[in-house]
PDB file of N, CA and C in Angstrom:
ATOM      1  N   ALA A   1     -25.834 176.000 166.873  1.00  0.00           N
ATOM      2  CA  ALA A   1     -25.973 176.726 165.745  1.00  0.00           C
ATOM      3  C   ALA A   1     -24.670 177.729 165.437  1.00  0.00           C
ATOM      4  N   LEU A   2     -24.267 177.922 164.289  1.00  0.00           N
ATOM      5  CA  LEU A   2     -23.300 178.983 164.039  1.00  0.00           C
ATOM      6  C   LEU A   2     -23.814 180.344 163.761  1.00  0.00           C
ATOM      7  N   ASP A   3     -23.367 181.292 164.595  1.00  0.00           N
ATOM      8  CA  ASP A   3     -23.776 182.586 164.237  1.00  0.00           C
ATOM      9  C   ASP A   3     -22.759 183.297 163.512  1.00  0.00           C
ATOM     10  N   THR A   4     -22.961 184.527 162.899  1.00  0.00           N
ATOM     11  CA  THR A   4     -21.958 185.217 162.025  1.00  0.00           C
ATOM     12  C   THR A   4     -20.630 185.250 162.561  1.00  0.00           C
ATOM     13  N   THR A   5     -20.543 185.749 163.856  1.00  0.00           N
ATOM     14  CA  THR A   5     -19.244 185.914 164.401  1.00  0.00           C
ATOM     15  C   THR A   5     -18.424 184.698 164.505  1.00  0.00           C
ATOM     16  N   THR A   6     -19.065 183.517 164.810  1.00  0.00           N
ATOM     17  CA  THR A   6     -18.218 182.446 164.714  1.00  0.00           C
ATOM     18  C   THR A   6     -17.718 182.025 163.442  1.00  0.00           C
ATOM     19  N   LEU A   7     -18.564 182.114 162.339  1.00  0.00           N
ATOM     20  CA  LEU A   7     -18.663 181.723 161.001  1.00  0.00           C
ATOM     21  C   LEU A   7     -17.352 182.669 160.501  1.00  0.00           C
ATOM     22  N   ARG A   8     -17.206 183.899 160.749  1.00  0.00           N
ATOM     23  CA  ARG A   8     -16.233 184.716 160.529  1.00  0.00           C
ATOM     24  C   ARG A   8     -14.774 184.384 160.958  1.00  0.00           C
ATOM     25  N   GLU A   9     -14.802 183.755 162.283  1.00  0.00           N
ATOM     26  CA  GLU A   9     -13.701 183.312 162.841  1.00  0.00           C
ATOM     27  C   GLU A   9     -13.035 182.188 162.241  1.00  0.00           C
ATOM     28  N   LEU A  10     -13.907 181.322 161.625  1.00  0.00           N
ATOM     29  CA  LEU A  10     -13.618 180.042 161.110  1.00  0.00           C
ATOM     30  C   LEU A  10     -13.173 180.238 159.585  1.00  0.00           C
ATOM     31  N   ILE A  11     -13.365 181.207 158.994  1.00  0.00           N
ATOM     32  CA  ILE A  11     -13.107 181.312 157.495  1.00  0.00           C
ATOM     33  C   ILE A  11     -11.931 182.487 157.348  1.00  0.00           C
ATOM     34  N   ASN A  12     -10.874 182.101 156.710  1.00  0.00           N
ATOM     35  CA  ASN A  12      -9.712 183.147 156.510  1.00  0.00           C
ATOM     36  C   ASN A  12     -10.178 184.127 155.464  1.00  0.00           C
ATOM     37  N   SER A  13      -9.273 185.047 154.954  1.00  0.00           N
ATOM     38  CA  SER A  13      -9.448 186.172 153.970  1.00  0.00           C
ATOM     39  C   SER A  13      -9.690 185.601 152.576  1.00  0.00           C
ATOM     40  N   GLU A  14      -9.412 184.431 152.372  1.00  0.00           N
ATOM     41  CA  GLU A  14      -9.528 183.994 151.084  1.00  0.00           C
ATOM     42  C   GLU A  14     -10.848 183.174 150.878  1.00  0.00           C
ATOM     43  N   GLY A  15     -11.511 183.065 151.937  1.00  0.00           N
ATOM     44  CA  GLY A  15     -12.965 182.386 152.065  1.00  0.00           C
ATOM     45  C   GLY A  15     -12.818 180.785 152.455  1.00  0.00           C
ATOM     46  N   ARG A  16     -11.558 180.378 152.840  1.00  0.00           N
ATOM     47  CA  ARG A  16     -11.363 178.958 153.061  1.00  0.00           C
ATOM     48  C   ARG A  16     -11.488 178.785 154.563  1.00  0.00           C
ATOM     49  N   LEU A  17     -11.857 177.578 154.979  1.00  0.00           N
ATOM     50  CA  LEU A  17     -12.239 177.165 156.305  1.00  0.00           C
ATOM     51  C   LEU A  17     -10.711 177.042 156.978  1.00  0.00           C
ATOM     52  N   ILE A  18     -10.536 177.750 157.989  1.00  0.00           N
ATOM     53  CA  ILE A  18      -9.234 177.676 158.817  1.00  0.00           C
ATOM     54  C   ILE A  18      -9.247 176.421 159.628  1.00  0.00           C
ATOM     55  N   PRO A  19      -8.198 175.531 159.698  1.00  0.00           N
ATOM     56  CA  PRO A  19      -8.166 174.194 160.026  1.00  0.00           C
ATOM     57  C   PRO A  19      -8.028 174.446 161.652  1.00  0.00           C
ATOM     58  N   LYS A  20      -8.512 173.524 162.353  1.00  0.00           N
ATOM     59  CA  LYS A  20      -8.407 173.726 163.857  1.00  0.00           C
ATOM     60  C   LYS A  20      -6.780 173.347 163.968  1.00  0.00           C
ATOM     61  N   ALA A  21      -6.190 174.383 164.931  1.00  0.00           N
ATOM     62  CA  ALA A  21      -4.749 174.077 165.291  1.00  0.00           C
ATOM     63  C   ALA A  21      -4.717 173.051 166.288  1.00  0.00           C
ATOM     64  N   LEU A  22      -3.659 172.092 166.025  1.00  0.00           N
ATOM     65  CA  LEU A  22      -3.606 170.751 166.668  1.00  0.00           C
ATOM     66  C   LEU A  22      -2.860 171.110 168.047  1.00  0.00           C
ATOM     67  N   GLU A  23      -2.869 170.427 169.044  1.00  0.00           N
ATOM     68  CA  GLU A  23      -2.428 170.563 170.331  1.00  0.00           C
ATOM     69  C   GLU A  23      -0.886 170.510 170.150  1.00  0.00           C
ATOM     70  N   PRO A  24      -0.037 171.144 170.844  1.00  0.00           N
ATOM     71  CA  PRO A  24       1.409 170.968 170.847  1.00  0.00           C
ATOM     72  C   PRO A  24       1.676 169.578 171.191  1.00  0.00           C
ATOM     73  N   GLY A  25       2.885 169.197 170.252  1.00  0.00           N
ATOM     74  CA  GLY A  25       3.444 167.854 170.663  1.00  0.00           C
ATOM     75  C   GLY A  25       2.630 166.596 170.028  1.00  0.00           C
ATOM     76  N   VAL A  26       1.356 166.990 169.326  1.00  0.00           N
ATOM     77  CA  VAL A  26       0.544 165.892 168.731  1.00  0.00           C
ATOM     78  C   VAL A  26       1.104 165.814 167.290  1.00  0.00           C
ATOM     79  N   PRO A  27       1.686 164.640 166.678  1.00  0.00           N
ATOM     80  CA  PRO A  27       2.261 164.722 165.494  1.00  0.00           C
ATOM     81  C   PRO A  27       1.210 164.646 164.549  1.00  0.00           C
ATOM     82  N   ARG A  28       1.469 165.088 163.348  1.00  0.00           N
ATOM     83  CA  ARG A  28       0.525 165.186 162.217  1.00  0.00           C
ATOM     84  C   ARG A  28       0.815 163.979 161.231  1.00  0.00           C
ATOM     85  N   VAL A  29      -0.020 163.222 160.867  1.00  0.00           N
ATOM     86  CA  VAL A  29       0.151 161.981 160.206  1.00  0.00           C
ATOM     87  C   VAL A  29      -0.528 162.222 158.786  1.00  0.00           C
ATOM     88  N   ALA A  30       0.229 162.180 157.775  1.00  0.00           N
ATOM     89  CA  ALA A  30      -0.356 162.177 156.320  1.00  0.00           C
ATOM     90  C   ALA A  30      -0.615 160.856 155.866  1.00  0.00           C
ATOM     91  N   ILE A  31      -1.571 160.464 155.136  1.00  0.00           N
ATOM     92  CA  ILE A  31      -2.119 158.997 154.797  1.00  0.00           C
ATOM     93  C   ILE A  31      -1.806 159.281 153.133  1.00  0.00           C
ATOM     94  N   PRO A  32      -0.677 158.601 152.609  1.00  0.00           N
ATOM     95  CA  PRO A  32      -0.479 158.842 151.190  1.00  0.00           C
ATOM     96  C   PRO A  32      -1.558 158.198 150.446  1.00  0.00           C
ATOM     97  N   LYS A  33      -1.944 159.002 149.342  1.00  0.00           N
ATOM     98  CA  LYS A  33      -3.002 158.164 148.497  1.00  0.00           C
ATOM     99  C   LYS A  33      -2.373 157.340 147.531  1.00  0.00           C
ATOM    100  N   PRO A  34      -3.139 156.058 147.597  1.00  0.00           N
ATOM    101  CA  PRO A  34      -2.490 154.896 146.772  1.00  0.00           C
ATOM    102  C   PRO A  34      -2.380 155.085 145.278  1.00  0.00           C
ATOM    103  N   LEU A  35      -1.377 154.839 144.850  1.00  0.00           N
ATOM    104  CA  LEU A  35      -1.175 155.035 143.370  1.00  0.00           C
ATOM    105  C   LEU A  35      -2.041 154.328 142.371  1.00  0.00           C
ATOM    106  N   ARG A  36      -2.531 154.918 141.442  1.00  0.00           N
ATOM    107  CA  ARG A  36      -3.522 154.254 140.592  1.00  0.00           C
ATOM    108  C   ARG A  36      -2.765 153.197 139.729  1.00  0.00           C
ATOM    109  N   ALA A  37      -3.254 151.878 139.555  1.00  0.00           N
ATOM    110  CA  ALA A  37      -2.671 151.189 138.874  1.00  0.00           C
ATOM    111  C   ALA A  37      -2.626 151.368 137.357  1.00  0.00           C
ATOM    112  N   SER A  38      -1.580 151.103 136.613  1.00  0.00           N
ATOM    113  CA  SER A  38      -1.397 151.286 135.179  1.00  0.00           C
ATOM    114  C   SER A  38      -1.903 150.140 134.463  1.00  0.00           C
ATOM    115  N   THR A  39      -2.140 150.300 133.172  1.00  0.00           N
ATOM    116  CA  THR A  39      -2.532 149.045 132.369  1.00  0.00           C
ATOM    117  C   THR A  39      -1.536 148.022 132.522  1.00  0.00           C
ATOM    118  N   GLN A  40      -0.218 148.491 132.352  1.00  0.00           N
ATOM    119  CA  GLN A  40       0.800 147.391 132.653  1.00  0.00           C
ATOM    120  C   GLN A  40       0.692 146.648 134.063  1.00  0.00           C
ATOM    121  N   ASP A  41       0.469 147.250 135.144  1.00  0.00           N
ATOM    122  CA  ASP A  41       0.606 146.847 136.179  1.00  0.00           C
ATOM    123  C   ASP A  41      -0.712 145.797 136.378  1.00  0.00           C
ATOM    124  N   LEU A  42      -1.863 145.948 135.808  1.00  0.00           N
ATOM    125  CA  LEU A  42      -3.030 145.221 135.676  1.00  0.00           C
ATOM    126  C   LEU A  42      -2.708 143.785 134.830  1.00  0.00           C
ATOM    127  N   TYR A  43      -1.795 144.135 133.734  1.00  0.00           N
ATOM    128  CA  TYR A  43      -1.839 143.012 132.944  1.00  0.00           C
ATOM    129  C   TYR A  43      -0.529 141.949 133.679  1.00  0.00           C
ATOM    130  N   GLU A  44       0.266 142.480 134.518  1.00  0.00           N
ATOM    131  CA  GLU A  44       1.079 141.757 135.242  1.00  0.00           C
ATOM    132  C   GLU A  44       0.455 141.002 136.296  1.00  0.00           C
ATOM    133  N   ARG A  45      -0.518 141.587 137.157  1.00  0.00           N
ATOM    134  CA  ARG A  45      -1.363 141.001 138.108  1.00  0.00           C
ATOM    135  C   ARG A  45      -2.043 139.815 137.446  1.00  0.00           C
ATOM    136  N   LYS A  46      -2.678 140.188 136.291  1.00  0.00           N
ATOM    137  CA  LYS A  46      -3.649 139.039 135.708  1.00  0.00           C
ATOM    138  C   LYS A  46      -2.645 137.831 135.229  1.00  0.00           C
ATOM    139  N   GLY A  47      -1.372 138.062 134.711  1.00  0.00           N
ATOM    140  CA  GLY A  47      -0.519 137.060 134.567  1.00  0.00           C
ATOM    141  C   GLY A  47      -0.054 136.190 135.735  1.00  0.00           C
ATOM    142  N   SER A  48       0.146 136.864 136.701  1.00  0.00           N
ATOM    143  CA  SER A  48       0.483 136.118 138.135  1.00  0.00           C
ATOM    144  C   SER A  48      -0.420 135.431 138.698  1.00  0.00           C
ATOM    145  N   MET A  49      -1.811 135.870 138.407  1.00  0.00           N
ATOM    146  CA  MET A  49      -3.195 135.098 138.727  1.00  0.00           C
ATOM    147  C   MET A  49      -3.074 133.824 138.042  1.00  0.00           C
ATOM    148  N   GLU A  50      -2.881 134.034 136.557  1.00  0.00           N
ATOM    149  CA  GLU A  50      -2.786 132.760 135.830  1.00  0.00           C
ATOM    150  C   GLU A  50      -1.897 131.857 136.069  1.00  0.00           C
ATOM    151  N   ILE A  51      -0.517 132.242 136.562  1.00  0.00           N
ATOM    152  CA  ILE A  51       0.306 131.466 137.102  1.00  0.00           C
ATOM    153  C   ILE A  51      -0.046 130.586 138.355  1.00  0.00           C
ATOM    154  N   ARG A  52      -0.769 131.350 139.263  1.00  0.00           N
ATOM    155  CA  ARG A  52      -1.098 130.766 140.634  1.00  0.00           C
ATOM    156  C   ARG A  52      -2.194 129.709 140.189  1.00  0.00           C
ATOM    157  N   GLN A  53      -3.155 130.049 139.385  1.00  0.00           N
ATOM    158  CA  GLN A  53      -4.237 129.086 139.076  1.00  0.00           C
ATOM    159  C   GLN A  53      -3.622 127.889 138.175  1.00  0.00           C
ATOM    160  N   GLY A  54      -2.658 128.045 137.472  1.00  0.00           N
ATOM    161  CA  GLY A  54      -2.019 126.699 137.113  1.00  0.00           C
ATOM    162  C   GLY A  54      -1.554 125.940 137.926  1.00  0.00           C
ATOM    163  N   ALA A  55      -0.687 126.695 138.905  1.00  0.00           N
ATOM    164  CA  ALA A  55      -0.092 125.895 140.154  1.00  0.00           C
ATOM    165  C   ALA A  55      -1.057 125.060 140.959  1.00  0.00           C
ATOM    166  N   ILE A  56      -2.347 125.730 141.130  1.00  0.00           N
ATOM    167  CA  ILE A  56      -3.230 125.103 142.018  1.00  0.00           C
ATOM    168  C   ILE A  56      -3.845 124.087 141.206  1.00  0.00           C
ATOM    169  N   GLU A  57      -4.056 124.001 139.839  1.00  0.00           N
ATOM    170  CA  GLU A  57      -4.667 123.035 139.204  1.00  0.00           C
ATOM    171  C   GLU A  57      -3.633 121.877 139.139  1.00  0.00           C
ATOM    172  N   ARG A  58      -2.312 122.109 139.078  1.00  0.00           N
ATOM    173  CA  ARG A  58      -1.350 121.046 139.321  1.00  0.00           C
ATOM    174  C   ARG A  58      -1.268 120.241 140.471  1.00  0.00           C
ATOM    175  N   MET A  59      -1.207 121.120 141.678  1.00  0.00           N
ATOM    176  CA  MET A  59      -1.293 120.529 143.029  1.00  0.00           C
ATOM    177  C   MET A  59      -2.644 119.745 143.141  1.00  0.00           C
ATOM    178  N   SER A  60      -3.763 120.077 142.574  1.00  0.00           N
ATOM    179  CA  SER A  60      -4.990 119.294 142.583  1.00  0.00           C
ATOM    180  C   SER A  60      -4.936 118.076 142.056  1.00  0.00           C
ATOM    181  N   TYR A  61      -4.286 118.139 140.860  1.00  0.00           N
ATOM    182  CA  TYR A  61      -4.131 116.839 139.830  1.00  0.00           C
ATOM    183  C   TYR A  61      -3.050 116.031 140.732  1.00  0.00           C
ATOM    184  N   ARG A  62      -1.979 116.512 141.397  1.00  0.00           N
ATOM    185  CA  ARG A  62      -1.245 115.543 142.192  1.00  0.00           C
ATOM    186  C   ARG A  62      -1.932 114.955 143.346  1.00  0.00           C
ATOM    187  N   GLN A  63      -2.581 115.846 143.920  1.00  0.00           N
ATOM    188  CA  GLN A  63      -3.320 115.361 145.250  1.00  0.00           C
ATOM    189  C   GLN A  63      -4.230 114.228 144.919  1.00  0.00           C
ATOM    190  N   SER A  64      -5.099 114.334 143.699  1.00  0.00           N
ATOM    191  CA  SER A  64      -6.113 113.293 143.353  1.00  0.00           C
ATOM    192  C   SER A  64      -5.233 111.980 142.858  1.00  0.00           C
ATOM    193  N   TYR A  65      -4.153 112.280 142.290  1.00  0.00           N
ATOM    194  CA  TYR A  65      -3.304 111.034 141.818  1.00  0.00           C
ATOM    195  C   TYR A  65      -2.844 110.329 143.129  1.00  0.00           C
ATOM    196  N   HIS A  66      -2.322 111.027 144.108  1.00  0.00           N
ATOM    197  CA  HIS A  66      -1.825 110.329 145.200  1.00  0.00           C
ATOM    198  C   HIS A  66      -2.879 109.695 145.863  1.00  0.00           C
ATOM    199  N   GLN A  67      -4.074 110.523 146.082  1.00  0.00           N
ATOM    200  CA  GLN A  67      -5.326 109.789 146.700  1.00  0.00           C
ATOM    201  C   GLN A  67      -5.688 108.442 146.066  1.00  0.00           C
ATOM    202  N   ASP A  68      -5.791 108.386 144.729  1.00  0.00           N
ATOM    203  CA  ASP A  68      -5.974 107.176 144.020  1.00  0.00           C
ATOM    204  C   ASP A  68      -4.999 106.125 144.277  1.00  0.00           C
ATOM    205  N   MET A  69      -3.535 106.549 144.213  1.00  0.00           N
ATOM    206  CA  MET A  69      -2.633 105.515 144.581  1.00  0.00           C
ATOM    207  C   MET A  69      -2.725 104.893 145.895  1.00  0.00           C
ATOM    208  N   TYR A  70      -3.080 105.916 147.096  1.00  0.00           N
ATOM    209  CA  TYR A  70      -3.176 105.193 148.425  1.00  0.00           C
ATOM    210  C   TYR A  70      -4.409 104.275 148.482  1.00  0.00           C
ATOM    211  N   ALA A  71      -5.508 104.833 147.525  1.00  0.00           N
ATOM    212  CA  ALA A  71      -6.639 103.972 147.551  1.00  0.00           C
ATOM    213  C   ALA A  71      -6.342 102.527 146.993  1.00  0.00           C
ATOM    214  N   GLU A  72      -5.647 102.515 146.103  1.00  0.00           N
ATOM    215  CA  GLU A  72      -5.503 101.240 145.480  1.00  0.00           C
ATOM    216  C   GLU A  72      -4.427 100.268 146.407  1.00  0.00           C
ATOM    217  N   VAL A  73      -3.568 100.911 147.169  1.00  0.00           N
ATOM    218  CA  VAL A  73      -2.782 100.389 148.109  1.00  0.00           C
ATOM    219  C   VAL A  73      -3.571  99.526 149.120  1.00  0.00           C
ATOM    220  N   PHE A  74      -4.547 100.438 149.614  1.00  0.00           N
ATOM    221  CA  PHE A  74      -5.490  99.931 150.693  1.00  0.00           C
ATOM    222  C   PHE A  74      -6.186  98.772 150.406  1.00  0.00           C
ATOM    223  N   GLU A  75      -6.667  99.027 149.028  1.00  0.00           N
ATOM    224  CA  GLU A  75      -7.710  97.909 148.344  1.00  0.00           C
ATOM    225  C   GLU A  75      -6.794  96.540 148.316  1.00  0.00           C
ATOM    226  N   HIS A  76      -5.631  96.769 147.784  1.00  0.00           N
ATOM    227  CA  HIS A  76      -4.637  95.559 147.645  1.00  0.00           C
ATOM    228  C   HIS A  76      -4.457  94.916 148.764  1.00  0.00           C
ATOM    229  N   MET A  77      -4.079  95.692 150.005  1.00  0.00           N
ATOM    230  CA  MET A  77      -3.898  95.061 151.273  1.00  0.00           C
ATOM    231  C   MET A  77      -5.167  94.496 151.645  1.00  0.00           C
ATOM    232  N   ALA A  78      -6.356  94.926 151.549  1.00  0.00           N
ATOM    233  CA  ALA A  78      -7.520  94.384 152.111  1.00  0.00           C
ATOM    234  C   ALA A  78      -7.685  93.052 151.321  1.00  0.00           C
ATOM    235  N   GLU A  79      -7.504  92.946 149.941  1.00  0.00           N
ATOM    236  CA  GLU A  79      -7.600  91.753 149.238  1.00  0.00           C
ATOM    237  C   GLU A  79      -6.625  90.719 149.831  1.00  0.00           C
ATOM    238  N   VAL A  80      -5.275  90.958 149.795  1.00  0.00           N
ATOM    239  CA  VAL A  80      -4.181  90.398 150.277  1.00  0.00           C
ATOM    240  C   VAL A  80      -4.580  89.555 151.791  1.00  0.00           C
ATOM    241  N   TYR A  81      -5.076  90.411 152.599  1.00  0.00           N
ATOM    242  CA  TYR A  81      -5.226  89.986 154.008  1.00  0.00           C
ATOM    243  C   TYR A  81      -6.619  89.619 154.266  1.00  0.00           C
ATOM    244  N   SER A  82      -7.505  89.808 153.428  1.00  0.00           N
ATOM    245  CA  SER A  82      -8.942  89.464 153.435  1.00  0.00           C
ATOM    246  C   SER A  82      -9.542  90.139 154.759  1.00  0.00           C
ATOM    247  N   VAL A  83      -9.208  91.776 154.686  1.00  0.00           N
ATOM    248  CA  VAL A  83      -9.810  92.379 155.689  1.00  0.00           C
ATOM    249  C   VAL A  83     -10.712  93.502 154.978  1.00  0.00           C
ATOM    250  N   PRO A  84     -11.822  93.632 155.447  1.00  0.00           N
ATOM    251  CA  PRO A  84     -12.783  94.870 154.851  1.00  0.00           C
ATOM    252  C   PRO A  84     -12.260  96.137 155.574  1.00  0.00           C
ATOM    253  N   LEU A  85     -12.180  97.120 154.453  1.00  0.00           N
ATOM    254  CA  LEU A  85     -11.990  98.628 154.689  1.00  0.00           C
ATOM    255  C   LEU A  85     -13.193  99.238 155.409  1.00  0.00           C
ATOM    256  N   GLN A  86     -12.652  99.876 156.270  1.00  0.00           N
ATOM    257  CA  GLN A  86     -13.860 100.631 157.235  1.00  0.00           C
ATOM    258  C   GLN A  86     -13.584 102.094 157.152  1.00  0.00           C
ATOM    259  N   GLY A  87     -14.506 102.787 157.381  1.00  0.00           N
ATOM    260  CA  GLY A  87     -14.334 104.490 157.902  1.00  0.00           C
ATOM    261  C   GLY A  87     -13.502 105.248 156.836  1.00  0.00           C
ATOM    262  N   ALA A  88     -12.466 105.939 157.299  1.00  0.00           N
ATOM    263  CA  ALA A  88     -11.574 106.541 156.265  1.00  0.00           C
ATOM    264  C   ALA A  88     -10.728 105.925 155.354  1.00  0.00           C
ATOM    265  N   TYR A  89     -10.579 104.690 155.873  1.00  0.00           N
ATOM    266  CA  TYR A  89      -9.541 103.691 154.826  1.00  0.00           C
ATOM    267  C   TYR A  89     -10.384 103.048 153.786  1.00  0.00           C
ATOM    268  N   ASN A  90     -11.763 103.595 153.835  1.00  0.00           N
ATOM    269  CA  ASN A  90     -12.559 103.017 152.611  1.00  0.00           C
ATOM    270  C   ASN A  90     -13.259 104.027 151.841  1.00  0.00           C
ATOM    271  N   PRO A  91     -12.484 105.169 151.549  1.00  0.00           N
ATOM    272  CA  PRO A  91     -13.317 106.152 150.854  1.00  0.00           C
ATOM    273  C   PRO A  91     -13.480 105.859 149.318  1.00  0.00           C
ATOM    274  N   PRO A  92     -14.535 106.572 148.841  1.00  0.00           N
ATOM    275  CA  PRO A  92     -14.931 106.318 147.499  1.00  0.00           C
ATOM    276  C   PRO A  92     -14.025 106.332 146.539  1.00  0.00           C
ATOM    277  N   ARG A  93     -13.969 105.698 145.664  1.00  0.00           N
ATOM    278  CA  ARG A  93     -12.833 105.877 144.499  1.00  0.00           C
ATOM    279  C   ARG A  93     -13.199 107.054 143.779  1.00  0.00           C
ATOM    280  N   TYR A  94     -12.135 107.844 143.179  1.00  0.00           N
ATOM    281  CA  TYR A  94     -12.252 109.123 142.499  1.00  0.00           C
ATOM    282  C   TYR A  94     -13.149 108.947 141.446  1.00  0.00           C
ATOM    283  N   ASP A  95     -13.049 107.889 140.547  1.00  0.00           N
ATOM    284  CA  ASP A  95     -14.136 107.534 139.407  1.00  0.00           C
ATOM    285  C   ASP A  95     -15.410 107.305 139.950  1.00  0.00           C
ATOM    286  N   GLN A  96     -15.654 106.543 141.110  1.00  0.00           N
ATOM    287  CA  GLN A  96     -16.878 106.307 141.690  1.00  0.00           C
ATOM    288  C   GLN A  96     -17.552 107.621 142.120  1.00  0.00           C
ATOM    289  N   TRP A  97     -16.706 108.488 142.620  1.00  0.00           N
ATOM    290  CA  TRP A  97     -17.320 109.833 143.042  1.00  0.00           C
ATOM    291  C   TRP A  97     -17.835 110.601 141.997  1.00  0.00           C
ATOM    292  N   GLN A  98     -16.883 110.509 140.751  1.00  0.00           N
ATOM    293  CA  GLN A  98     -17.327 111.434 139.622  1.00  0.00           C
ATOM    294  C   GLN A  98     -18.777 110.772 139.029  1.00  0.00           C
ATOM    295  N   TYR A  99     -18.705 109.572 139.020  1.00  0.00           N
ATOM    296  CA  TYR A  99     -19.890 108.781 138.644  1.00  0.00           C
ATOM    297  C   TYR A  99     -21.199 109.154 139.294  1.00  0.00           C
ATOM    298  N   ASP A 100     -20.974 109.000 140.742  1.00  0.00           N
ATOM    299  CA  ASP A 100     -22.259 109.334 141.562  1.00  0.00           C
ATOM    300  C   ASP A 100     -22.622 110.926 141.428  1.00  0.00           C
ATOM    301  N   GLN A 101     -21.474 111.737 141.268  1.00  0.00           N
ATOM    302  CA  GLN A 101     -22.003 113.172 141.185  1.00  0.00           C
ATOM    303  C   GLN A 101     -22.860 113.454 139.959  1.00  0.00           C
ATOM    304  N   TYR A 102     -22.344 112.849 138.751  1.00  0.00           N
ATOM    305  CA  TYR A 102     -23.146 113.165 137.456  1.00  0.00           C
ATOM    306  C   TYR A 102     -24.494 112.419 137.261  1.00  0.00           C
ATOM    307  N   TYR A 103     -24.432 111.245 137.898  1.00  0.00           N
ATOM    308  CA  TYR A 103     -25.512 110.353 137.398  1.00  0.00           C
ATOM    309  C   TYR A 103     -26.460 109.982 138.634  1.00  0.00           C
ATOM    310  N   GLN A 104     -26.451 110.867 139.603  1.00  0.00           N
ATOM    311  CA  GLN A 104     -27.497 110.488 140.689  1.00  0.00           C
ATOM    312  C   GLN A 104     -28.175 111.848 141.293  1.00  0.00           C
TER     313      GLN A 104
END
């Protein structure tokens, strides 16, 4: 509990709390307050997010295109050599996957 003597020792003549003196040799570190984003900054961030979203959509399209191409190659090889495809080499076709997703 604080008594009045201790309280007087902690408050300066202006009524403000006196900060505790640091040990000698202990550096003081100030943490800068982050700047508040302006409206222009927010619009720029939104634009960069839209660009990233477009890039992700293009990558997704390319990936599905290549996946379909590889599936066709494996199916063609299976037909030519009369070998059944199994496991990872027999993935569901992209259009079949969409059909299964919506109609089952």
